[in-house]
């Protein structure tokens, strides 16, 4: 591959302008020793060739730079299009409550994830009974808002615990904690 097609800064060593200078210096050195005694038209032609070479080299460097800018712009446009598409896909996935079911599923405890993956309602009920009422309501509310759980209107609620039972359990837990703390 040609050295000039690499992505280098113009002022860095080995940049296209340095390559140009090196080639120009080499051509000049080749002709320096032989320029004595050459006819003036030959010397004039050599300068014309050198000027034509310099012009072509500058044009080539310009085309390379333009192409690099165009490629960067195209890459930026593609990234923007991809981001828009991903956002549209995410919006299309949103459930009735405005939550993304994928994000909700990933945030659920492992046990609840298994229940939804297997679509096992009895296992879901058992798993929810093992949780505090507050946690169970929180997770099931998010599942309903994301569309992972669609409660049917005539079915009995998935959370069957009474608030009073939960309060009694909390009081018993506090008493046990208090007794444990007194013993230590």
N, C-alpha and C. Protein backbone atom coordinates (compact mmCIF):
# COMPACT_ATOMS: atom_id res chain seq x y z
N UNK A 1 0.84 -1.18 0.00
CA UNK A 1 0.00 0.00 0.00
C UNK A 1 0.88 1.23 0.00
N UNK A 2 0.47 2.26 -0.67
CA UNK A 2 1.23 3.50 -0.78
C UNK A 2 1.28 4.19 0.58
N UNK A 3 2.42 4.74 0.90
CA UNK A 3 2.61 5.43 2.17
C UNK A 3 1.67 6.62 2.31
N UNK A 4 1.28 7.24 1.22
CA UNK A 4 0.50 8.48 1.28
C UNK A 4 -0.97 8.21 1.62
N UNK A 5 -1.44 6.99 1.55
CA UNK A 5 -2.84 6.71 1.82
C UNK A 5 -3.11 6.44 3.29
N UNK A 6 -2.09 6.43 4.12
CA UNK A 6 -2.31 6.20 5.54
C UNK A 6 -2.83 7.47 6.18
N UNK A 7 -3.51 7.31 7.32
CA UNK A 7 -4.06 8.45 8.04
C UNK A 7 -3.00 9.02 8.97
N UNK A 8 -2.34 10.04 8.52
CA UNK A 8 -1.33 10.70 9.33
C UNK A 8 -1.62 12.18 9.36
N UNK A 9 -1.19 12.83 10.42
CA UNK A 9 -1.33 14.28 10.48
C UNK A 9 -0.40 14.90 9.45
N UNK A 10 -0.83 16.01 8.81
CA UNK A 10 0.02 16.63 7.80
C UNK A 10 1.35 17.13 8.34
N UNK A 11 1.40 17.48 9.63
CA UNK A 11 2.64 18.01 10.19
C UNK A 11 3.47 16.94 10.89
N UNK A 12 3.02 15.70 10.90
CA UNK A 12 3.74 14.62 11.56
C UNK A 12 4.87 14.11 10.68
N UNK A 13 5.94 13.59 11.29
CA UNK A 13 7.00 12.99 10.48
C UNK A 13 6.44 11.85 9.65
N UNK A 14 6.83 11.80 8.40
CA UNK A 14 6.34 10.76 7.51
C UNK A 14 5.01 11.13 6.88
N UNK A 15 4.57 12.38 7.06
CA UNK A 15 3.31 12.82 6.49
C UNK A 15 3.47 13.02 4.98
N UNK A 16 2.38 13.19 4.23
CA UNK A 16 2.47 13.38 2.78
C UNK A 16 3.37 14.55 2.39
N UNK A 17 3.33 15.63 3.18
CA UNK A 17 4.19 16.77 2.83
C UNK A 17 5.67 16.41 3.01
N UNK A 18 5.98 15.59 4.03
CA UNK A 18 7.37 15.13 4.20
C UNK A 18 7.77 14.22 3.05
N UNK A 19 6.86 13.33 2.63
CA UNK A 19 7.12 12.45 1.49
C UNK A 19 7.38 13.29 0.24
N UNK A 20 6.56 14.30 0.05
CA UNK A 20 6.71 15.19 -1.10
C UNK A 20 8.07 15.88 -1.07
N UNK A 21 8.43 16.38 0.10
CA UNK A 21 9.73 17.05 0.23
C UNK A 21 10.87 16.08 -0.05
N UNK A 22 10.76 14.87 0.41
CA UNK A 22 11.82 13.89 0.19
C UNK A 22 11.95 13.56 -1.29
N UNK A 23 10.83 13.37 -1.97
CA UNK A 23 10.87 13.07 -3.41
C UNK A 23 11.45 14.26 -4.17
N UNK A 24 11.00 15.45 -3.83
CA UNK A 24 11.51 16.65 -4.50
C UNK A 24 13.01 16.80 -4.29
N UNK A 25 13.47 16.55 -3.08
CA UNK A 25 14.90 16.67 -2.79
C UNK A 25 15.69 15.64 -3.57
N UNK A 26 15.16 14.42 -3.69
CA UNK A 26 15.85 13.37 -4.43
C UNK A 26 15.95 13.75 -5.91
N UNK A 27 14.87 14.26 -6.48
CA UNK A 27 14.91 14.65 -7.89
C UNK A 27 15.92 15.78 -8.09
N UNK A 28 15.90 16.75 -7.18
CA UNK A 28 16.84 17.87 -7.29
C UNK A 28 18.28 17.39 -7.18
N UNK A 29 18.55 16.45 -6.28
CA UNK A 29 19.91 15.94 -6.12
C UNK A 29 20.36 15.20 -7.38
N UNK A 30 19.44 14.48 -8.00
CA UNK A 30 19.82 13.77 -9.22
C UNK A 30 20.22 14.73 -10.33
N UNK A 31 19.52 15.83 -10.43
CA UNK A 31 19.81 16.76 -11.50
C UNK A 31 20.91 17.76 -11.16
N UNK A 32 21.20 17.99 -9.89
CA UNK A 32 22.19 18.98 -9.51
C UNK A 32 23.55 18.71 -10.13
N UNK A 33 23.98 17.50 -10.02
CA UNK A 33 25.30 17.16 -10.54
C UNK A 33 25.35 17.25 -12.06
N UNK A 34 24.21 17.12 -12.71
CA UNK A 34 24.21 17.09 -14.16
C UNK A 34 23.70 18.39 -14.78
N UNK A 35 23.34 19.36 -13.99
CA UNK A 35 22.74 20.56 -14.56
C UNK A 35 23.75 21.48 -15.24
N UNK A 36 25.02 21.34 -14.87
CA UNK A 36 26.03 22.19 -15.51
C UNK A 36 26.17 21.78 -16.96
N UNK A 37 26.16 22.74 -17.79
CA UNK A 37 26.37 22.49 -19.19
C UNK A 37 25.11 22.06 -19.93
N UNK A 38 23.98 21.96 -19.23
CA UNK A 38 22.72 21.60 -19.89
C UNK A 38 22.17 22.83 -20.58
N UNK A 39 21.50 22.60 -21.62
CA UNK A 39 20.87 23.68 -22.38
C UNK A 39 19.78 24.32 -21.50
N UNK A 40 19.61 25.64 -21.60
CA UNK A 40 18.61 26.33 -20.78
C UNK A 40 17.19 25.78 -20.96
N UNK A 41 16.87 25.29 -22.14
CA UNK A 41 15.51 24.75 -22.34
C UNK A 41 15.31 23.47 -21.53
N UNK A 42 16.39 22.68 -21.39
CA UNK A 42 16.30 21.47 -20.60
C UNK A 42 16.10 21.83 -19.12
N UNK A 43 16.85 22.85 -18.65
CA UNK A 43 16.68 23.29 -17.28
C UNK A 43 15.26 23.82 -17.06
N UNK A 44 14.73 24.54 -18.04
CA UNK A 44 13.38 25.08 -17.95
C UNK A 44 12.36 23.93 -17.91
N UNK A 45 12.58 22.90 -18.72
CA UNK A 45 11.68 21.75 -18.75
C UNK A 45 11.71 21.01 -17.40
N UNK A 46 12.92 20.93 -16.84
CA UNK A 46 13.04 20.28 -15.54
C UNK A 46 12.21 21.01 -14.50
N UNK A 47 12.25 22.34 -14.52
CA UNK A 47 11.45 23.14 -13.58
C UNK A 47 9.96 22.93 -13.85
N UNK A 48 9.59 22.84 -15.13
CA UNK A 48 8.18 22.60 -15.47
C UNK A 48 7.71 21.23 -14.97
N UNK A 49 8.57 20.23 -15.17
CA UNK A 49 8.23 18.89 -14.68
C UNK A 49 8.09 18.89 -13.16
N UNK A 50 9.03 19.56 -12.52
CA UNK A 50 8.98 19.65 -11.06
C UNK A 50 7.69 20.35 -10.62
N UNK A 51 7.33 21.42 -11.26
CA UNK A 51 6.10 22.15 -10.93
C UNK A 51 4.87 21.29 -11.19
N UNK A 52 4.86 20.57 -12.30
CA UNK A 52 3.73 19.69 -12.62
C UNK A 52 3.63 18.57 -11.57
N UNK A 53 4.78 18.03 -11.20
CA UNK A 53 4.80 16.99 -10.17
C UNK A 53 4.24 17.53 -8.86
N UNK A 54 4.69 18.71 -8.45
CA UNK A 54 4.22 19.33 -7.21
C UNK A 54 2.70 19.57 -7.26
N UNK A 55 2.22 20.06 -8.41
CA UNK A 55 0.78 20.32 -8.56
C UNK A 55 -0.03 19.03 -8.43
N UNK A 56 0.42 17.99 -9.10
CA UNK A 56 -0.28 16.70 -9.04
C UNK A 56 -0.25 16.12 -7.63
N UNK A 57 0.90 16.25 -6.98
CA UNK A 57 1.01 15.74 -5.62
C UNK A 57 0.07 16.48 -4.68
N UNK A 58 0.02 17.79 -4.77
CA UNK A 58 -0.89 18.59 -3.93
C UNK A 58 -2.35 18.24 -4.22
N UNK A 59 -2.67 18.03 -5.49
CA UNK A 59 -4.05 17.66 -5.85
C UNK A 59 -4.39 16.29 -5.26
N UNK A 60 -3.46 15.36 -5.34
CA UNK A 60 -3.68 14.03 -4.77
C UNK A 60 -3.89 14.11 -3.26
N UNK A 61 -3.04 14.85 -2.58
CA UNK A 61 -3.17 15.01 -1.13
C UNK A 61 -4.53 15.64 -0.80
N UNK A 62 -4.95 16.61 -1.58
CA UNK A 62 -6.26 17.23 -1.38
C UNK A 62 -7.40 16.24 -1.54
N UNK A 63 -7.30 15.38 -2.57
CA UNK A 63 -8.35 14.37 -2.79
C UNK A 63 -8.40 13.38 -1.62
N UNK A 64 -7.24 13.00 -1.13
CA UNK A 64 -7.19 12.07 0.01
C UNK A 64 -7.84 12.70 1.23
N UNK A 65 -7.55 13.96 1.49
CA UNK A 65 -8.13 14.66 2.64
C UNK A 65 -9.64 14.79 2.48
N UNK A 66 -10.10 15.15 1.28
CA UNK A 66 -11.54 15.28 1.03
C UNK A 66 -12.24 13.94 1.26
N UNK A 67 -11.63 12.87 0.78
CA UNK A 67 -12.22 11.54 0.94
C UNK A 67 -12.28 11.14 2.42
N UNK A 68 -11.25 11.50 3.17
CA UNK A 68 -11.23 11.19 4.60
C UNK A 68 -12.36 11.95 5.31
N UNK A 69 -12.55 13.20 4.97
CA UNK A 69 -13.63 13.99 5.57
C UNK A 69 -14.99 13.38 5.19
N UNK A 70 -15.15 12.99 3.92
CA UNK A 70 -16.41 12.39 3.47
C UNK A 70 -16.68 11.08 4.21
N UNK A 71 -15.66 10.28 4.41
CA UNK A 71 -15.84 9.01 5.12
C UNK A 71 -16.23 9.24 6.57
N UNK A 72 -15.60 10.20 7.22
CA UNK A 72 -15.94 10.52 8.60
C UNK A 72 -17.39 11.00 8.70
N UNK A 73 -17.79 11.83 7.77
CA UNK A 73 -19.16 12.34 7.76
C UNK A 73 -20.15 11.20 7.55
N UNK A 74 -19.85 10.30 6.64
CA UNK A 74 -20.74 9.16 6.38
C UNK A 74 -20.83 8.25 7.62
N UNK A 75 -19.72 8.04 8.28
CA UNK A 75 -19.71 7.22 9.50
C UNK A 75 -20.56 7.88 10.59
N UNK A 76 -20.47 9.20 10.71
CA UNK A 76 -21.27 9.94 11.69
C UNK A 76 -22.76 9.81 11.36
N UNK A 77 -23.11 9.95 10.07
CA UNK A 77 -24.50 9.82 9.66
C UNK A 77 -25.04 8.42 9.95
N UNK A 78 -24.24 7.40 9.66
CA UNK A 78 -24.67 6.03 9.92
C UNK A 78 -24.89 5.80 11.42
N UNK A 79 -24.02 6.35 12.24
CA UNK A 79 -24.16 6.21 13.69
C UNK A 79 -25.44 6.89 14.17
N UNK A 80 -25.74 8.07 13.62
CA UNK A 80 -26.96 8.78 14.00
C UNK A 80 -28.20 7.98 13.57
N UNK A 81 -28.17 7.45 12.35
CA UNK A 81 -29.30 6.66 11.86
C UNK A 81 -29.52 5.42 12.73
N UNK A 82 -28.43 4.76 13.10
CA UNK A 82 -28.53 3.58 13.93
C UNK A 82 -29.09 3.93 15.31
N UNK A 83 -28.65 5.04 15.88
CA UNK A 83 -29.16 5.47 17.18
C UNK A 83 -30.65 5.79 17.11
N UNK A 84 -31.08 6.45 16.03
CA UNK A 84 -32.50 6.75 15.84
C UNK A 84 -33.31 5.47 15.73
N UNK A 85 -32.81 4.51 14.95
CA UNK A 85 -33.51 3.25 14.75
C UNK A 85 -33.63 2.49 16.07
N UNK A 86 -32.57 2.46 16.85
CA UNK A 86 -32.60 1.77 18.13
C UNK A 86 -33.61 2.43 19.08
N UNK A 87 -33.67 3.76 19.06
CA UNK A 87 -34.61 4.48 19.92
C UNK A 87 -36.05 4.21 19.47
N UNK A 88 -36.29 4.16 18.16
CA UNK A 88 -37.63 3.84 17.65
C UNK A 88 -38.04 2.42 18.03
N UNK A 89 -37.10 1.48 17.94
CA UNK A 89 -37.38 0.10 18.35
C UNK A 89 -37.70 0.02 19.83
N UNK A 90 -36.97 0.78 20.62
CA UNK A 90 -37.21 0.80 22.07
C UNK A 90 -38.58 1.38 22.36
N UNK A 91 -38.95 2.46 21.68
CA UNK A 91 -40.27 3.07 21.89
C UNK A 91 -41.38 2.12 21.47
N UNK A 92 -41.14 1.35 20.40
CA UNK A 92 -42.16 0.40 19.94
C UNK A 92 -42.35 -0.73 20.95
N UNK A 93 -41.32 -1.06 21.71
CA UNK A 93 -41.40 -2.13 22.70
C UNK A 93 -42.10 -1.71 23.98
N UNK A 94 -42.23 -0.43 24.24
CA UNK A 94 -42.75 0.04 25.51
C UNK A 94 -44.12 -0.56 25.80
N UNK A 95 -44.32 -0.91 27.05
CA UNK A 95 -45.58 -1.49 27.47
C UNK A 95 -46.62 -0.42 27.72
N UNK A 96 -47.79 -0.83 28.21
CA UNK A 96 -48.89 0.11 28.43
C UNK A 96 -48.57 1.19 29.47
N UNK A 97 -47.67 0.90 30.38
CA UNK A 97 -47.29 1.89 31.40
C UNK A 97 -46.06 2.68 31.03
N UNK A 98 -45.53 2.47 29.83
CA UNK A 98 -44.37 3.22 29.38
C UNK A 98 -43.03 2.65 29.77
N UNK A 99 -42.99 1.42 30.26
CA UNK A 99 -41.71 0.79 30.62
C UNK A 99 -41.30 -0.22 29.55
N UNK A 100 -40.01 -0.35 29.37
CA UNK A 100 -39.45 -1.29 28.40
C UNK A 100 -39.41 -2.69 29.03
N UNK A 101 -40.10 -3.67 28.42
CA UNK A 101 -40.14 -5.00 29.02
C UNK A 101 -38.76 -5.66 29.15
N UNK A 102 -37.87 -5.36 28.23
CA UNK A 102 -36.53 -5.95 28.31
C UNK A 102 -35.79 -5.42 29.52
N UNK A 103 -35.87 -4.10 29.72
CA UNK A 103 -35.20 -3.50 30.87
C UNK A 103 -35.81 -3.99 32.18
N UNK A 104 -37.15 -4.12 32.21
CA UNK A 104 -37.81 -4.61 33.43
C UNK A 104 -37.40 -6.05 33.70
N UNK A 105 -37.43 -6.88 32.66
CA UNK A 105 -37.07 -8.30 32.83
C UNK A 105 -35.65 -8.43 33.38
N UNK A 106 -34.73 -7.63 32.85
CA UNK A 106 -33.34 -7.70 33.31
C UNK A 106 -33.18 -7.21 34.75
N UNK A 107 -34.10 -6.34 35.21
CA UNK A 107 -33.98 -5.80 36.57
C UNK A 107 -34.66 -6.67 37.62
N UNK A 108 -35.43 -7.66 37.19
CA UNK A 108 -36.12 -8.54 38.14
C UNK A 108 -35.14 -9.47 38.83
N UNK A 109 -35.49 -9.90 40.05
CA UNK A 109 -34.67 -10.93 40.70
C UNK A 109 -34.68 -12.20 39.85
N UNK A 110 -33.65 -12.99 39.95
CA UNK A 110 -33.48 -14.20 39.14
C UNK A 110 -34.70 -15.11 39.24
N UNK A 111 -35.23 -15.29 40.46
CA UNK A 111 -36.37 -16.18 40.66
C UNK A 111 -37.57 -15.73 39.83
N UNK A 112 -37.83 -14.42 39.84
CA UNK A 112 -38.96 -13.89 39.06
C UNK A 112 -38.68 -14.01 37.56
N UNK A 113 -37.46 -13.81 37.16
CA UNK A 113 -37.12 -13.97 35.75
C UNK A 113 -37.46 -15.39 35.28
N UNK A 114 -37.10 -16.38 36.11
CA UNK A 114 -37.39 -17.77 35.75
C UNK A 114 -38.90 -18.00 35.60
N UNK A 115 -39.69 -17.40 36.50
CA UNK A 115 -41.14 -17.55 36.44
C UNK A 115 -41.69 -17.02 35.12
N UNK A 116 -41.21 -15.86 34.70
CA UNK A 116 -41.70 -15.27 33.45
C UNK A 116 -41.18 -16.02 32.23
N UNK A 117 -39.95 -16.49 32.30
CA UNK A 117 -39.40 -17.23 31.16
C UNK A 117 -40.15 -18.54 30.94
N UNK A 118 -40.51 -19.22 32.04
CA UNK A 118 -41.22 -20.49 31.93
C UNK A 118 -42.73 -20.31 31.86
N UNK A 119 -43.20 -19.10 32.13
CA UNK A 119 -44.63 -18.75 32.14
C UNK A 119 -45.38 -19.66 33.11
N UNK A 120 -44.78 -19.85 34.28
CA UNK A 120 -45.34 -20.72 35.31
C UNK A 120 -46.00 -19.85 36.38
N UNK A 121 -47.33 -19.72 36.33
CA UNK A 121 -48.05 -18.86 37.27
C UNK A 121 -47.99 -19.40 38.70
N UNK A 122 -48.16 -20.70 38.94
CA UNK A 122 -48.03 -21.18 40.33
C UNK A 122 -46.64 -20.89 40.92
N UNK A 123 -45.61 -21.06 40.12
CA UNK A 123 -44.25 -20.75 40.60
C UNK A 123 -44.13 -19.26 40.88
N UNK A 124 -44.75 -18.44 40.05
CA UNK A 124 -44.75 -16.99 40.26
C UNK A 124 -45.42 -16.66 41.59
N UNK A 125 -46.57 -17.29 41.86
CA UNK A 125 -47.27 -17.04 43.12
C UNK A 125 -46.41 -17.45 44.31
N UNK A 126 -45.77 -18.60 44.22
CA UNK A 126 -44.92 -19.06 45.31
C UNK A 126 -43.73 -18.12 45.52
N UNK A 127 -43.14 -17.68 44.43
CA UNK A 127 -41.98 -16.77 44.51
C UNK A 127 -42.39 -15.45 45.13
N UNK A 128 -43.56 -14.95 44.75
CA UNK A 128 -44.03 -13.68 45.31
C UNK A 128 -44.35 -13.81 46.80
N UNK A 129 -44.83 -14.97 47.22
CA UNK A 129 -45.14 -15.17 48.63
C UNK A 129 -43.87 -15.14 49.48
N UNK A 130 -42.76 -15.52 48.91
CA UNK A 130 -41.49 -15.51 49.64
C UNK A 130 -40.94 -14.09 49.80
N UNK A 131 -41.44 -13.16 49.01
CA UNK A 131 -40.95 -11.77 49.05
C UNK A 131 -41.81 -10.96 50.02
N UNK A 132 -41.29 -9.81 50.41
CA UNK A 132 -42.11 -8.90 51.19
C UNK A 132 -43.21 -8.37 50.28
N UNK A 133 -44.30 -7.97 50.87
CA UNK A 133 -45.43 -7.46 50.08
C UNK A 133 -45.01 -6.22 49.28
N UNK A 134 -44.22 -5.40 49.91
CA UNK A 134 -43.77 -4.17 49.24
C UNK A 134 -42.94 -4.51 47.99
N UNK A 135 -41.99 -5.43 48.11
CA UNK A 135 -41.16 -5.82 46.96
C UNK A 135 -41.99 -6.50 45.88
N UNK A 136 -42.89 -7.38 46.31
CA UNK A 136 -43.72 -8.09 45.35
C UNK A 136 -44.60 -7.13 44.57
N UNK A 137 -45.21 -6.17 45.27
CA UNK A 137 -46.06 -5.18 44.58
C UNK A 137 -45.22 -4.34 43.62
N UNK A 138 -44.04 -3.95 44.07
CA UNK A 138 -43.16 -3.13 43.23
C UNK A 138 -42.83 -3.86 41.92
N UNK A 139 -42.38 -5.09 42.03
CA UNK A 139 -41.99 -5.85 40.83
C UNK A 139 -43.19 -6.15 39.94
N UNK A 140 -44.32 -6.53 40.53
CA UNK A 140 -45.49 -6.85 39.71
C UNK A 140 -46.07 -5.60 39.06
N UNK A 141 -45.98 -4.46 39.74
CA UNK A 141 -46.43 -3.21 39.13
C UNK A 141 -45.58 -2.87 37.91
N UNK A 142 -44.29 -3.02 38.04
CA UNK A 142 -43.40 -2.76 36.90
C UNK A 142 -43.65 -3.76 35.77
N UNK A 143 -43.91 -5.02 36.12
CA UNK A 143 -44.20 -6.02 35.09
C UNK A 143 -45.49 -5.67 34.35
N UNK A 144 -46.49 -5.19 35.08
CA UNK A 144 -47.76 -4.81 34.44
C UNK A 144 -47.56 -3.58 33.54
N UNK A 145 -46.78 -2.61 34.00
CA UNK A 145 -46.55 -1.40 33.22
C UNK A 145 -45.72 -1.67 31.97
N UNK A 146 -44.93 -2.73 31.99
CA UNK A 146 -44.10 -3.05 30.82
C UNK A 146 -44.81 -4.01 29.87
N UNK A 147 -45.91 -4.62 30.34
CA UNK A 147 -46.62 -5.57 29.50
C UNK A 147 -46.16 -7.00 29.70
N UNK A 148 -45.23 -7.24 30.62
CA UNK A 148 -44.80 -8.60 30.91
C UNK A 148 -45.92 -9.38 31.60
N UNK A 149 -46.70 -8.69 32.42
CA UNK A 149 -47.81 -9.31 33.12
C UNK A 149 -49.08 -8.53 32.78
N UNK A 150 -50.05 -9.23 32.22
CA UNK A 150 -51.32 -8.61 31.90
C UNK A 150 -52.38 -9.30 32.75
N UNK A 151 -52.77 -8.68 33.86
CA UNK A 151 -53.76 -9.32 34.72
C UNK A 151 -55.13 -9.31 34.03
N UNK A 152 -55.79 -10.46 34.10
CA UNK A 152 -57.13 -10.51 33.52
C UNK A 152 -58.12 -9.93 34.53
N UNK A 153 -59.15 -9.25 34.04
CA UNK A 153 -60.06 -8.57 34.96
C UNK A 153 -60.85 -9.51 35.85
N UNK A 154 -61.15 -10.73 35.42
CA UNK A 154 -61.96 -11.64 36.21
C UNK A 154 -61.13 -12.59 37.08
N UNK A 155 -59.81 -12.58 36.95
CA UNK A 155 -58.96 -13.47 37.73
C UNK A 155 -58.69 -12.87 39.10
N UNK A 156 -58.43 -13.75 40.07
CA UNK A 156 -58.11 -13.24 41.40
C UNK A 156 -56.69 -12.65 41.37
N UNK A 157 -56.43 -11.68 42.24
CA UNK A 157 -55.13 -11.01 42.22
C UNK A 157 -53.99 -11.98 42.51
N UNK A 158 -52.86 -11.73 41.87
CA UNK A 158 -51.69 -12.58 42.05
C UNK A 158 -51.12 -12.43 43.45
N UNK A 159 -51.29 -11.25 44.02
CA UNK A 159 -50.81 -10.99 45.37
C UNK A 159 -51.98 -11.18 46.32
N UNK A 160 -52.05 -12.31 47.01
CA UNK A 160 -53.19 -12.64 47.84
C UNK A 160 -52.97 -12.30 49.30
N UNK A 161 -51.83 -11.83 49.68
CA UNK A 161 -51.57 -11.53 51.09
C UNK A 161 -52.37 -10.30 51.50
N UNK A 162 -52.87 -10.32 52.70
CA UNK A 162 -53.56 -9.16 53.23
C UNK A 162 -52.54 -8.23 53.86
N UNK A 163 -52.85 -6.97 53.84
CA UNK A 163 -51.96 -6.00 54.47
C UNK A 163 -51.85 -6.26 55.97
N UNK A 164 -52.96 -6.70 56.58
CA UNK A 164 -52.94 -6.95 58.02
C UNK A 164 -52.00 -8.10 58.36
N UNK A 165 -52.05 -9.17 57.55
CA UNK A 165 -51.16 -10.30 57.80
C UNK A 165 -49.71 -9.87 57.70
N UNK A 166 -49.43 -9.03 56.70
CA UNK A 166 -48.07 -8.56 56.49
C UNK A 166 -47.61 -7.71 57.67
N UNK A 167 -48.54 -6.86 58.18
CA UNK A 167 -48.18 -6.02 59.32
C UNK A 167 -47.90 -6.88 60.54
N UNK A 168 -48.72 -7.93 60.75
CA UNK A 168 -48.50 -8.82 61.88
C UNK A 168 -47.14 -9.51 61.77
N UNK A 169 -46.80 -9.96 60.55
CA UNK A 169 -45.51 -10.60 60.34
C UNK A 169 -44.37 -9.63 60.61
N UNK A 170 -44.54 -8.36 60.17
CA UNK A 170 -43.52 -7.36 60.42
C UNK A 170 -43.33 -7.13 61.92
N UNK A 171 -44.47 -7.09 62.68
CA UNK A 171 -44.38 -6.90 64.12
C UNK A 171 -43.64 -8.07 64.76
N UNK A 172 -43.94 -9.30 64.32
CA UNK A 172 -43.25 -10.47 64.86
C UNK A 172 -41.76 -10.42 64.55
N UNK A 173 -41.43 -10.01 63.32
CA UNK A 173 -40.02 -9.90 62.94
C UNK A 173 -39.30 -8.88 63.79
N UNK A 174 -39.96 -7.74 64.05
CA UNK A 174 -39.34 -6.70 64.87
C UNK A 174 -39.11 -7.21 66.28
N UNK A 175 -40.11 -7.98 66.83
CA UNK A 175 -39.94 -8.53 68.17
C UNK A 175 -38.76 -9.48 68.22
N UNK A 176 -38.62 -10.34 67.19
CA UNK A 176 -37.51 -11.28 67.14
C UNK A 176 -36.18 -10.54 67.06
N UNK A 177 -36.12 -9.50 66.23
CA UNK A 177 -34.90 -8.71 66.09
C UNK A 177 -34.56 -8.04 67.42
N UNK A 178 -35.62 -7.53 68.10
CA UNK A 178 -35.41 -6.86 69.36
C UNK A 178 -34.89 -7.85 70.39
N UNK A 179 -35.47 -9.06 70.42
CA UNK A 179 -35.03 -10.09 71.36
C UNK A 179 -33.59 -10.49 71.06
N UNK A 180 -33.24 -10.65 69.77
CA UNK A 180 -31.87 -11.01 69.41
C UNK A 180 -30.90 -9.93 69.84
N UNK A 181 -31.28 -8.69 69.69
CA UNK A 181 -30.40 -7.58 70.05
C UNK A 181 -30.19 -7.54 71.55
N UNK A 182 -31.25 -7.86 72.36
CA UNK A 182 -31.13 -7.84 73.81
C UNK A 182 -30.19 -8.94 74.29
N UNK A 183 -30.21 -10.09 73.59
CA UNK A 183 -29.37 -11.21 74.00
C UNK A 183 -27.89 -10.92 73.82
N UNK A 184 -27.52 -10.08 72.90
CA UNK A 184 -26.11 -9.80 72.61
C UNK A 184 -25.67 -8.69 73.43
